[in-house]
């Protein structure tokens, strides 16, 4: 089942992040950093968990450490041997693995 929000705890506060606000997710040990325009929030879950719950038409795993909202991508630049860098609308630069690039080409219809 796809989810339309992610709930995170920041100190004693509970923050509800609508999925449409998520720009990308970044693995950080046993946590995932959820990046939004309003900042980044840590969630004690794995990338695989998010890959299961987020709509695969909206989010693509481009690297073992990154899950990106496809509509945020503005550019894909070549980077070193067989790897690429994504440039997002926010200016963030995301590494893309060889497998991630193959997946991205399918999603974007390249």
PDB file of N, CA and C in Angstrom:
ATOM      1  N   UNK A   1       0.845  -1.196   0.000  1.00  0.00           N
ATOM      2  CA  UNK A   1       0.000   0.000   0.000  1.00  0.00           C
ATOM      3  C   UNK A   1       0.880   1.246   0.000  1.00  0.00           C
ATOM      4  N   UNK A   2       0.527   2.209  -0.839  1.00  0.00           N
ATOM      5  CA  UNK A   2       1.294   3.449  -0.885  1.00  0.00           C
ATOM      6  C   UNK A   2       0.822   4.378   0.232  1.00  0.00           C
ATOM      7  N   UNK A   3       1.733   5.155   0.734  1.00  0.00           N
ATOM      8  CA  UNK A   3       1.417   6.084   1.814  1.00  0.00           C
ATOM      9  C   UNK A   3       1.456   7.509   1.280  1.00  0.00           C
ATOM     10  N   UNK A   4       0.633   8.392   1.871  1.00  0.00           N
ATOM     11  CA  UNK A   4       0.635   9.782   1.406  1.00  0.00           C
ATOM     12  C   UNK A   4       1.273  10.722   2.428  1.00  0.00           C
ATOM     13  N   UNK A   5       1.789  10.148   3.522  1.00  0.00           N
ATOM     14  CA  UNK A   5       2.481  10.981   4.510  1.00  0.00           C
ATOM     15  C   UNK A   5       3.503  10.128   5.264  1.00  0.00           C
ATOM     16  N   UNK A   6       4.501  10.816   5.812  1.00  0.00           N
ATOM     17  CA  UNK A   6       5.523  10.167   6.631  1.00  0.00           C
ATOM     18  C   UNK A   6       5.536  10.910   7.961  1.00  0.00           C
ATOM     19  N   UNK A   7       5.471  10.166   9.046  1.00  0.00           N
ATOM     20  CA  UNK A   7       5.456  10.779  10.372  1.00  0.00           C
ATOM     21  C   UNK A   7       6.834  10.603  11.014  1.00  0.00           C
ATOM     22  N   UNK A   8       7.422  11.706  11.463  1.00  0.00           N
ATOM     23  CA  UNK A   8       8.732  11.646  12.125  1.00  0.00           C
ATOM     24  C   UNK A   8       8.658  12.344  13.480  1.00  0.00           C
ATOM     25  N   UNK A   9       9.496  11.883  14.397  1.00  0.00           N
ATOM     26  CA  UNK A   9       9.594  12.533  15.705  1.00  0.00           C
ATOM     27  C   UNK A   9      10.846  13.390  15.712  1.00  0.00           C
ATOM     28  N   UNK A  10      10.697  14.652  16.111  1.00  0.00           N
ATOM     29  CA  UNK A  10      11.859  15.522  16.289  1.00  0.00           C
ATOM     30  C   UNK A  10      11.812  15.996  17.738  1.00  0.00           C
ATOM     31  N   UNK A  11      12.645  15.379  18.564  1.00  0.00           N
ATOM     32  CA  UNK A  11      12.603  15.678  19.993  1.00  0.00           C
ATOM     33  C   UNK A  11      11.281  15.193  20.559  1.00  0.00           C
ATOM     34  N   UNK A  12      10.517  16.113  21.154  1.00  0.00           N
ATOM     35  CA  UNK A  12       9.217  15.733  21.713  1.00  0.00           C
ATOM     36  C   UNK A  12       8.088  15.990  20.720  1.00  0.00           C
ATOM     37  N   UNK A  13       8.415  16.611  19.601  1.00  0.00           N
ATOM     38  CA  UNK A  13       7.393  16.949  18.608  1.00  0.00           C
ATOM     39  C   UNK A  13       7.228  15.834  17.578  1.00  0.00           C
ATOM     40  N   UNK A  14       6.037  15.760  17.037  1.00  0.00           N
ATOM     41  CA  UNK A  14       5.769  14.817  15.948  1.00  0.00           C
ATOM     42  C   UNK A  14       5.463  15.635  14.708  1.00  0.00           C
ATOM     43  N   UNK A  15       6.177  15.341  13.646  1.00  0.00           N
ATOM     44  CA  UNK A  15       6.018  16.095  12.391  1.00  0.00           C
ATOM     45  C   UNK A  15       5.401  15.177  11.343  1.00  0.00           C
ATOM     46  N   UNK A  16       4.375  15.665  10.673  1.00  0.00           N
ATOM     47  CA  UNK A  16       3.746  14.919   9.586  1.00  0.00           C
ATOM     48  C   UNK A  16       4.211  15.539   8.272  1.00  0.00           C
ATOM     49  N   UNK A  17       4.891  14.733   7.464  1.00  0.00           N
ATOM     50  CA  UNK A  17       5.412  15.221   6.180  1.00  0.00           C
ATOM     51  C   UNK A  17       4.578  14.632   5.050  1.00  0.00           C
ATOM     52  N   UNK A  18       3.844  15.464   4.313  1.00  0.00           N
ATOM     53  CA  UNK A  18       3.128  14.933   3.150  1.00  0.00           C
ATOM     54  C   UNK A  18       4.145  14.410   2.130  1.00  0.00           C
ATOM     55  N   UNK A  19       3.871  13.257   1.548  1.00  0.00           N
ATOM     56  CA  UNK A  19       4.805  12.659   0.592  1.00  0.00           C
ATOM     57  C   UNK A  19       5.104  13.620  -0.559  1.00  0.00           C
ATOM     58  N   UNK A  20       4.110  14.449  -0.949  1.00  0.00           N
ATOM     59  CA  UNK A  20       4.371  15.372  -2.066  1.00  0.00           C
ATOM     60  C   UNK A  20       5.422  16.429  -1.725  1.00  0.00           C
ATOM     61  N   UNK A  21       5.738  16.596  -0.431  1.00  0.00           N
ATOM     62  CA  UNK A  21       6.774  17.550  -0.015  1.00  0.00           C
ATOM     63  C   UNK A  21       8.182  16.953  -0.030  1.00  0.00           C
ATOM     64  N   UNK A  22       8.277  15.638  -0.195  1.00  0.00           N
ATOM     65  CA  UNK A  22       9.575  14.962  -0.152  1.00  0.00           C
ATOM     66  C   UNK A  22      10.316  15.157  -1.473  1.00  0.00           C
ATOM     67  N   UNK A  23      11.559  15.667  -1.395  1.00  0.00           N
ATOM     68  CA  UNK A  23      12.389  15.864  -2.585  1.00  0.00           C
ATOM     69  C   UNK A  23      13.212  14.611  -2.873  1.00  0.00           C
ATOM     70  N   UNK A  24      13.855  14.098  -1.814  1.00  0.00           N
ATOM     71  CA  UNK A  24      14.605  12.847  -1.945  1.00  0.00           C
ATOM     72  C   UNK A  24      14.884  12.276  -0.560  1.00  0.00           C
ATOM     73  N   UNK A  25      15.263  11.007  -0.532  1.00  0.00           N
ATOM     74  CA  UNK A  25      15.613  10.342   0.716  1.00  0.00           C
ATOM     75  C   UNK A  25      17.048   9.862   0.620  1.00  0.00           C
ATOM     76  N   UNK A  26      17.748   9.974   1.740  1.00  0.00           N
ATOM     77  CA  UNK A  26      19.168   9.630   1.776  1.00  0.00           C
ATOM     78  C   UNK A  26      19.438   8.713   2.965  1.00  0.00           C
ATOM     79  N   UNK A  27      20.062   7.566   2.704  1.00  0.00           N
ATOM     80  CA  UNK A  27      20.381   6.625   3.781  1.00  0.00           C
ATOM     81  C   UNK A  27      21.429   7.224   4.707  1.00  0.00           C
ATOM     82  N   UNK A  28      21.251   6.999   6.006  1.00  0.00           N
ATOM     83  CA  UNK A  28      22.214   7.448   7.013  1.00  0.00           C
ATOM     84  C   UNK A  28      22.275   6.376   8.100  1.00  0.00           C
ATOM     85  N   UNK A  29      23.147   5.391   7.926  1.00  0.00           N
ATOM     86  CA  UNK A  29      23.249   4.243   8.832  1.00  0.00           C
ATOM     87  C   UNK A  29      21.894   3.545   8.945  1.00  0.00           C
ATOM     88  N   UNK A  30      21.336   3.453  10.171  1.00  0.00           N
ATOM     89  CA  UNK A  30      20.046   2.770  10.349  1.00  0.00           C
ATOM     90  C   UNK A  30      18.866   3.719  10.190  1.00  0.00           C
ATOM     91  N   UNK A  31      19.150   4.918   9.730  1.00  0.00           N
ATOM     92  CA  UNK A  31      18.110   5.931   9.555  1.00  0.00           C
ATOM     93  C   UNK A  31      18.026   6.335   8.091  1.00  0.00           C
ATOM     94  N   UNK A  32      16.972   7.074   7.784  1.00  0.00           N
ATOM     95  CA  UNK A  32      16.858   7.684   6.462  1.00  0.00           C
ATOM     96  C   UNK A  32      16.615   9.170   6.681  1.00  0.00           C
ATOM     97  N   UNK A  33      17.372   9.998   5.976  1.00  0.00           N
ATOM     98  CA  UNK A  33      17.196  11.439   6.008  1.00  0.00           C
ATOM     99  C   UNK A  33      16.173  11.795   4.940  1.00  0.00           C
ATOM    100  N   UNK A  34      15.056  12.373   5.354  1.00  0.00           N
ATOM    101  CA  UNK A  34      13.996  12.746   4.419  1.00  0.00           C
ATOM    102  C   UNK A  34      14.176  14.228   4.107  1.00  0.00           C
ATOM    103  N   UNK A  35      14.537  14.529   2.871  1.00  0.00           N
ATOM    104  CA  UNK A  35      14.807  15.920   2.488  1.00  0.00           C
ATOM    105  C   UNK A  35      13.555  16.567   1.902  1.00  0.00           C
ATOM    106  N   UNK A  36      13.191  17.731   2.466  1.00  0.00           N
ATOM    107  CA  UNK A  36      12.059  18.514   1.969  1.00  0.00           C
ATOM    108  C   UNK A  36      12.547  19.950   1.779  1.00  0.00           C
ATOM    109  N   UNK A  37      11.715  20.796   1.191  1.00  0.00           N
ATOM    110  CA  UNK A  37      12.083  22.204   1.030  1.00  0.00           C
ATOM    111  C   UNK A  37      12.246  22.871   2.398  1.00  0.00           C
ATOM    112  N   UNK A  38      11.548  22.341   3.415  1.00  0.00           N
ATOM    113  CA  UNK A  38      11.590  22.923   4.761  1.00  0.00           C
ATOM    114  C   UNK A  38      12.727  22.367   5.620  1.00  0.00           C
ATOM    115  N   UNK A  39      13.545  21.491   5.047  1.00  0.00           N
ATOM    116  CA  UNK A  39      14.647  20.914   5.818  1.00  0.00           C
ATOM    117  C   UNK A  39      14.661  19.398   5.737  1.00  0.00           C
ATOM    118  N   UNK A  40      15.583  18.791   6.481  1.00  0.00           N
ATOM    119  CA  UNK A  40      15.728  17.333   6.471  1.00  0.00           C
ATOM    120  C   UNK A  40      15.286  16.759   7.811  1.00  0.00           C
ATOM    121  N   UNK A  41      14.684  15.579   7.759  1.00  0.00           N
ATOM    122  CA  UNK A  41      14.155  14.930   8.954  1.00  0.00           C
ATOM    123  C   UNK A  41      14.605  13.479   8.980  1.00  0.00           C
ATOM    124  N   UNK A  42      15.075  13.023  10.144  1.00  0.00           N
ATOM    125  CA  UNK A  42      15.535  11.643  10.281  1.00  0.00           C
ATOM    126  C   UNK A  42      14.388  10.720  10.664  1.00  0.00           C
ATOM    127  N   UNK A  43      14.362   9.548  10.049  1.00  0.00           N
ATOM    128  CA  UNK A  43      13.355   8.535  10.381  1.00  0.00           C
ATOM    129  C   UNK A  43      14.086   7.222  10.604  1.00  0.00           C
ATOM    130  N   UNK A  44      13.734   6.532  11.678  1.00  0.00           N
ATOM    131  CA  UNK A  44      14.385   5.274  12.029  1.00  0.00           C
ATOM    132  C   UNK A  44      13.800   4.123  11.203  1.00  0.00           C
ATOM    133  N   UNK A  45      14.041   4.166   9.904  1.00  0.00           N
ATOM    134  CA  UNK A  45      13.576   3.126   8.975  1.00  0.00           C
ATOM    135  C   UNK A  45      14.671   2.910   7.944  1.00  0.00           C
ATOM    136  N   UNK A  46      14.505   1.886   7.113  1.00  0.00           N
ATOM    137  CA  UNK A  46      15.507   1.603   6.077  1.00  0.00           C
ATOM    138  C   UNK A  46      15.055   2.139   4.720  1.00  0.00           C
ATOM    139  N   UNK A  47      15.996   2.225   3.793  1.00  0.00           N
ATOM    140  CA  UNK A  47      15.664   2.624   2.420  1.00  0.00           C
ATOM    141  C   UNK A  47      14.697   1.617   1.804  1.00  0.00           C
ATOM    142  N   UNK A  48      14.904   0.330   2.104  1.00  0.00           N
ATOM    143  CA  UNK A  48      14.010  -0.693   1.547  1.00  0.00           C
ATOM    144  C   UNK A  48      12.575  -0.481   1.998  1.00  0.00           C
ATOM    145  N   UNK A  49      12.396  -0.058   3.259  1.00  0.00           N
ATOM    146  CA  UNK A  49      11.060   0.243   3.769  1.00  0.00           C
ATOM    147  C   UNK A  49      10.408   1.330   2.912  1.00  0.00           C
ATOM    148  N   UNK A  50      11.146   2.412   2.670  1.00  0.00           N
ATOM    149  CA  UNK A  50      10.587   3.518   1.882  1.00  0.00           C
ATOM    150  C   UNK A  50      10.365   3.123   0.426  1.00  0.00           C
ATOM    151  N   UNK A  51      11.243   2.284  -0.094  1.00  0.00           N
ATOM    152  CA  UNK A  51      11.077   1.829  -1.472  1.00  0.00           C
ATOM    153  C   UNK A  51       9.771   1.042  -1.616  1.00  0.00           C
ATOM    154  N   UNK A  52       9.391   0.321  -0.552  1.00  0.00           N
ATOM    155  CA  UNK A  52       8.145  -0.455  -0.564  1.00  0.00           C
ATOM    156  C   UNK A  52       6.910   0.442  -0.451  1.00  0.00           C
ATOM    157  N   UNK A  53       6.977   1.468   0.404  1.00  0.00           N
ATOM    158  CA  UNK A  53       5.757   2.251   0.682  1.00  0.00           C
ATOM    159  C   UNK A  53       5.537   3.438  -0.252  1.00  0.00           C
ATOM    160  N   UNK A  54       6.592   3.893  -0.940  1.00  0.00           N
ATOM    161  CA  UNK A  54       6.427   5.058  -1.821  1.00  0.00           C
ATOM    162  C   UNK A  54       6.093   4.617  -3.239  1.00  0.00           C
ATOM    163  N   UNK A  55       5.257   5.382  -3.908  1.00  0.00           N
ATOM    164  CA  UNK A  55       4.816   5.070  -5.267  1.00  0.00           C
ATOM    165  C   UNK A  55       6.018   5.004  -6.211  1.00  0.00           C
ATOM    166  N   UNK A  56       6.262   3.837  -6.841  1.00  0.00           N
ATOM    167  CA  UNK A  56       7.421   3.698  -7.730  1.00  0.00           C
ATOM    168  C   UNK A  56       7.336   4.570  -8.988  1.00  0.00           C
ATOM    169  N   UNK A  57       6.148   5.091  -9.289  1.00  0.00           N
ATOM    170  CA  UNK A  57       6.020   6.019 -10.414  1.00  0.00           C
ATOM    171  C   UNK A  57       6.507   7.417 -10.035  1.00  0.00           C
ATOM    172  N   UNK A  58       6.566   7.686  -8.742  1.00  0.00           N
ATOM    173  CA  UNK A  58       6.986   9.004  -8.260  1.00  0.00           C
ATOM    174  C   UNK A  58       8.419   9.016  -7.739  1.00  0.00           C
ATOM    175  N   UNK A  59       8.840   7.901  -7.139  1.00  0.00           N
ATOM    176  CA  UNK A  59      10.169   7.812  -6.524  1.00  0.00           C
ATOM    177  C   UNK A  59      10.976   6.677  -7.132  1.00  0.00           C
ATOM    178  N   UNK A  60      12.235   6.953  -7.449  1.00  0.00           N
ATOM    179  CA  UNK A  60      13.116   5.939  -8.022  1.00  0.00           C
ATOM    180  C   UNK A  60      14.391   5.829  -7.204  1.00  0.00           C
ATOM    181  N   UNK A  61      14.792   4.585  -6.963  1.00  0.00           N
ATOM    182  CA  UNK A  61      16.050   4.319  -6.246  1.00  0.00           C
ATOM    183  C   UNK A  61      17.175   4.441  -7.261  1.00  0.00           C
ATOM    184  N   UNK A  62      17.947   5.512  -7.173  1.00  0.00           N
ATOM    185  CA  UNK A  62      18.997   5.774  -8.166  1.00  0.00           C
ATOM    186  C   UNK A  62      20.375   5.331  -7.681  1.00  0.00           C
ATOM    187  N   UNK A  63      20.433   4.950  -6.397  1.00  0.00           N
ATOM    188  CA  UNK A  63      21.712   4.604  -5.772  1.00  0.00           C
ATOM    189  C   UNK A  63      21.332   3.861  -4.493  1.00  0.00           C
ATOM    190  N   UNK A  64      22.229   3.025  -3.974  1.00  0.00           N
ATOM    191  CA  UNK A  64      21.822   2.299  -2.757  1.00  0.00           C
ATOM    192  C   UNK A  64      21.506   3.243  -1.606  1.00  0.00           C
ATOM    193  N   UNK A  65      22.039   4.452  -1.649  1.00  0.00           N
ATOM    194  CA  UNK A  65      21.789   5.419  -0.571  1.00  0.00           C
ATOM    195  C   UNK A  65      20.771   6.504  -0.909  1.00  0.00           C
ATOM    196  N   UNK A  66      20.204   6.482  -2.112  1.00  0.00           N
ATOM    197  CA  UNK A  66      19.296   7.571  -2.512  1.00  0.00           C
ATOM    198  C   UNK A  66      18.037   7.090  -3.227  1.00  0.00           C
ATOM    199  N   UNK A  67      16.925   7.678  -2.811  1.00  0.00           N
ATOM    200  CA  UNK A  67      15.626   7.472  -3.450  1.00  0.00           C
ATOM    201  C   UNK A  67      15.150   8.879  -3.819  1.00  0.00           C
ATOM    202  N   UNK A  68      14.874   9.111  -5.088  1.00  0.00           N
ATOM    203  CA  UNK A  68      14.622  10.473  -5.567  1.00  0.00           C
ATOM    204  C   UNK A  68      13.220  10.619  -6.148  1.00  0.00           C
ATOM    205  N   UNK A  69      12.599  11.767  -5.858  1.00  0.00           N
ATOM    206  CA  UNK A  69      11.312  12.097  -6.476  1.00  0.00           C
ATOM    207  C   UNK A  69      11.604  12.488  -7.924  1.00  0.00           C
ATOM    208  N   UNK A  70      11.074  11.712  -8.860  1.00  0.00           N
ATOM    209  CA  UNK A  70      11.406  11.852 -10.281  1.00  0.00           C
ATOM    210  C   UNK A  70      11.130  13.260 -10.807  1.00  0.00           C
ATOM    211  N   UNK A  71      10.021  13.860 -10.409  1.00  0.00           N
ATOM    212  CA  UNK A  71       9.673  15.192 -10.946  1.00  0.00           C
ATOM    213  C   UNK A  71      10.617  16.297 -10.468  1.00  0.00           C
ATOM    214  N   UNK A  72      11.489  15.987  -9.503  1.00  0.00           N
ATOM    215  CA  UNK A  72      12.458  16.974  -9.010  1.00  0.00           C
ATOM    216  C   UNK A  72      13.726  17.037  -9.863  1.00  0.00           C
ATOM    217  N   UNK A  73      13.894  16.056 -10.748  1.00  0.00           N
ATOM    218  CA  UNK A  73      15.121  15.975 -11.549  1.00  0.00           C
ATOM    219  C   UNK A  73      15.109  17.033 -12.653  1.00  0.00           C
ATOM    220  N   UNK A  74      16.176  17.831 -12.720  1.00  0.00           N
ATOM    221  CA  UNK A  74      16.262  18.801 -13.813  1.00  0.00           C
ATOM    222  C   UNK A  74      17.348  18.432 -14.816  1.00  0.00           C
ATOM    223  N   UNK A  75      18.348  17.657 -14.350  1.00  0.00           N
ATOM    224  CA  UNK A  75      19.457  17.320 -15.239  1.00  0.00           C
ATOM    225  C   UNK A  75      20.128  16.027 -14.804  1.00  0.00           C
ATOM    226  N   UNK A  76      20.674  15.304 -15.767  1.00  0.00           N
ATOM    227  CA  UNK A  76      21.486  14.126 -15.467  1.00  0.00           C
ATOM    228  C   UNK A  76      22.817  14.338 -16.162  1.00  0.00           C
ATOM    229  N   UNK A  77      23.874  14.473 -15.377  1.00  0.00           N
ATOM    230  CA  UNK A  77      25.210  14.703 -15.938  1.00  0.00           C
ATOM    231  C   UNK A  77      26.069  13.456 -15.817  1.00  0.00           C
ATOM    232  N   UNK A  78      26.893  13.172 -16.840  1.00  0.00           N
ATOM    233  CA  UNK A  78      27.833  12.056 -16.698  1.00  0.00           C
ATOM    234  C   UNK A  78      28.863  12.385 -15.623  1.00  0.00           C
ATOM    235  N   UNK A  79      29.310  11.366 -14.915  1.00  0.00           N
ATOM    236  CA  UNK A  79      30.261  11.567 -13.828  1.00  0.00           C
ATOM    237  C   UNK A  79      31.139  10.326 -13.720  1.00  0.00           C
ATOM    238  N   UNK A  80      32.391  10.483 -13.925  1.00  0.00           N
ATOM    239  CA  UNK A  80      33.330   9.368 -13.878  1.00  0.00           C
ATOM    240  C   UNK A  80      32.869   8.205 -14.763  1.00  0.00           C
ATOM    241  N   UNK A  81      33.437   7.022 -14.504  1.00  0.00           N
ATOM    242  CA  UNK A  81      33.166   5.877 -15.376  1.00  0.00           C
ATOM    243  C   UNK A  81      31.812   5.233 -15.060  1.00  0.00           C
ATOM    244  N   UNK A  82      30.904   5.251 -16.016  1.00  0.00           N
ATOM    245  CA  UNK A  82      29.599   4.586 -15.907  1.00  0.00           C
ATOM    246  C   UNK A  82      28.730   5.074 -14.752  1.00  0.00           C
ATOM    247  N   UNK A  83      29.006   6.252 -14.217  1.00  0.00           N
ATOM    248  CA  UNK A  83      28.115   6.798 -13.199  1.00  0.00           C
ATOM    249  C   UNK A  83      27.643   8.180 -13.634  1.00  0.00           C
ATOM    250  N   UNK A  84      26.612   8.659 -12.974  1.00  0.00           N
ATOM    251  CA  UNK A  84      26.020   9.953 -13.310  1.00  0.00           C
ATOM    252  C   UNK A  84      25.721  10.720 -12.030  1.00  0.00           C
ATOM    253  N   UNK A  85      25.420  11.992 -12.205  1.00  0.00           N
ATOM    254  CA  UNK A  85      24.990  12.855 -11.103  1.00  0.00           C
ATOM    255  C   UNK A  85      23.655  13.474 -11.516  1.00  0.00           C
ATOM    256  N   UNK A  86      22.678  13.408 -10.608  1.00  0.00           N
ATOM    257  CA  UNK A  86      21.393  14.067 -10.845  1.00  0.00           C
ATOM    258  C   UNK A  86      21.463  15.460 -10.250  1.00  0.00           C
ATOM    259  N   UNK A  87      20.924  16.423 -10.965  1.00  0.00           N
ATOM    260  CA  UNK A  87      20.770  17.765 -10.406  1.00  0.00           C
ATOM    261  C   UNK A  87      19.266  17.947 -10.192  1.00  0.00           C
ATOM    262  N   UNK A  88      18.888  18.238  -8.950  1.00  0.00           N
ATOM    263  CA  UNK A  88      17.476  18.431  -8.637  1.00  0.00           C
ATOM    264  C   UNK A  88      17.116  19.912  -8.720  1.00  0.00           C
ATOM    265  N   UNK A  89      15.819  20.200  -8.749  1.00  0.00           N
ATOM    266  CA  UNK A  89      15.345  21.584  -8.809  1.00  0.00           C
ATOM    267  C   UNK A  89      15.888  22.406  -7.646  1.00  0.00           C
ATOM    268  N   UNK A  90      16.093  21.751  -6.506  1.00  0.00           N
ATOM    269  CA  UNK A  90      16.604  22.440  -5.312  1.00  0.00           C
ATOM    270  C   UNK A  90      18.095  22.748  -5.418  1.00  0.00           C
ATOM    271  N   UNK A  91      18.756  22.181  -6.451  1.00  0.00           N
ATOM    272  CA  UNK A  91      20.195  22.358  -6.598  1.00  0.00           C
ATOM    273  C   UNK A  91      20.983  21.192  -6.013  1.00  0.00           C
ATOM    274  N   UNK A  92      20.293  20.292  -5.320  1.00  0.00           N
ATOM    275  CA  UNK A  92      20.967  19.127  -4.725  1.00  0.00           C
ATOM    276  C   UNK A  92      21.565  18.255  -5.823  1.00  0.00           C
ATOM    277  N   UNK A  93      22.741  17.691  -5.527  1.00  0.00           N
ATOM    278  CA  UNK A  93      23.405  16.787  -6.472  1.00  0.00           C
ATOM    279  C   UNK A  93      23.378  15.384  -5.886  1.00  0.00           C
ATOM    280  N   UNK A  94      22.836  14.451  -6.644  1.00  0.00           N
ATOM    281  CA  UNK A  94      22.636  13.081  -6.167  1.00  0.00           C
ATOM    282  C   UNK A  94      23.424  12.113  -7.037  1.00  0.00           C
ATOM    283  N   UNK A  95      24.256  11.261  -6.428  1.00  0.00           N
ATOM    284  CA  UNK A  95      24.980  10.272  -7.233  1.00  0.00           C
ATOM    285  C   UNK A  95      24.035   9.201  -7.774  1.00  0.00           C
ATOM    286  N   UNK A  96      24.321   8.734  -8.977  1.00  0.00           N
ATOM    287  CA  UNK A  96      23.512   7.691  -9.609  1.00  0.00           C
ATOM    288  C   UNK A  96      24.428   6.517  -9.934  1.00  0.00           C
ATOM    289  N   UNK A  97      24.052   5.338  -9.474  1.00  0.00           N
ATOM    290  CA  UNK A  97      24.843   4.142  -9.779  1.00  0.00           C
ATOM    291  C   UNK A  97      24.507   3.655 -11.190  1.00  0.00           C
ATOM    292  N   UNK A  98      25.268   2.691 -11.664  1.00  0.00           N
ATOM    293  CA  UNK A  98      25.016   2.121 -12.993  1.00  0.00           C
ATOM    294  C   UNK A  98      23.608   1.510 -13.045  1.00  0.00           C
ATOM    295  N   UNK A  99      23.254   0.739 -12.012  1.00  0.00           N
ATOM    296  CA  UNK A  99      21.918   0.122 -11.944  1.00  0.00           C
ATOM    297  C   UNK A  99      20.835   1.190 -11.799  1.00  0.00           C
ATOM    298  N   UNK A 100      21.128   2.228 -11.009  1.00  0.00           N
ATOM    299  CA  UNK A 100      20.180   3.319 -10.816  1.00  0.00           C
ATOM    300  C   UNK A 100      19.915   4.066 -12.110  1.00  0.00           C
ATOM    301  N   UNK A 101      20.956   4.222 -12.920  1.00  0.00           N
ATOM    302  CA  UNK A 101      20.812   4.916 -14.204  1.00  0.00           C
ATOM    303  C   UNK A 101      19.945   4.100 -15.156  1.00  0.00           C
ATOM    304  N   UNK A 102      20.131   2.784 -15.153  1.00  0.00           N
ATOM    305  CA  UNK A 102      19.310   1.908 -16.001  1.00  0.00           C
ATOM    306  C   UNK A 102      17.838   2.042 -15.607  1.00  0.00           C
ATOM    307  N   UNK A 103      17.573   2.084 -14.298  1.00  0.00           N
ATOM    308  CA  UNK A 103      16.209   2.222 -13.789  1.00  0.00           C
ATOM    309  C   UNK A 103      15.625   3.583 -14.170  1.00  0.00           C
ATOM    310  N   UNK A 104      16.455   4.607 -14.042  1.00  0.00           N
ATOM    311  CA  UNK A 104      16.052   5.971 -14.352  1.00  0.00           C
ATOM    312  C   UNK A 104      15.686   6.127 -15.824  1.00  0.00           C
ATOM    313  N   UNK A 105      16.456   5.501 -16.689  1.00  0.00           N
ATOM    314  CA  UNK A 105      16.177   5.572 -18.128  1.00  0.00           C
ATOM    315  C   UNK A 105      14.804   4.975 -18.431  1.00  0.00           C
ATOM    316  N   UNK A 106      14.453   3.897 -17.748  1.00  0.00           N
ATOM    317  CA  UNK A 106      13.130   3.289 -17.933  1.00  0.00           C
ATOM    318  C   UNK A 106      12.031   4.236 -17.464  1.00  0.00           C
ATOM    319  N   UNK A 107      12.204   4.778 -16.262  1.00  0.00           N
ATOM    320  CA  UNK A 107      11.203   5.670 -15.670  1.00  0.00           C
ATOM    321  C   UNK A 107      11.004   6.928 -16.513  1.00  0.00           C
ATOM    322  N   UNK A 108      12.109   7.495 -17.014  1.00  0.00           N
ATOM    323  CA  UNK A 108      12.031   8.737 -17.794  1.00  0.00           C
ATOM    324  C   UNK A 108      11.770   8.497 -19.278  1.00  0.00           C
ATOM    325  N   UNK A 109      11.823   7.242 -19.693  1.00  0.00           N
ATOM    326  CA  UNK A 109      11.597   6.915 -21.103  1.00  0.00           C
ATOM    327  C   UNK A 109      12.708   7.395 -22.013  1.00  0.00           C
ATOM    328  N   UNK A 110      13.956   7.280 -21.551  1.00  0.00           N
ATOM    329  CA  UNK A 110      15.113   7.709 -22.356  1.00  0.00           C
ATOM    330  C   UNK A 110      15.530   6.574 -23.276  1.00  0.00           C
TER     331      UNK A 110
END
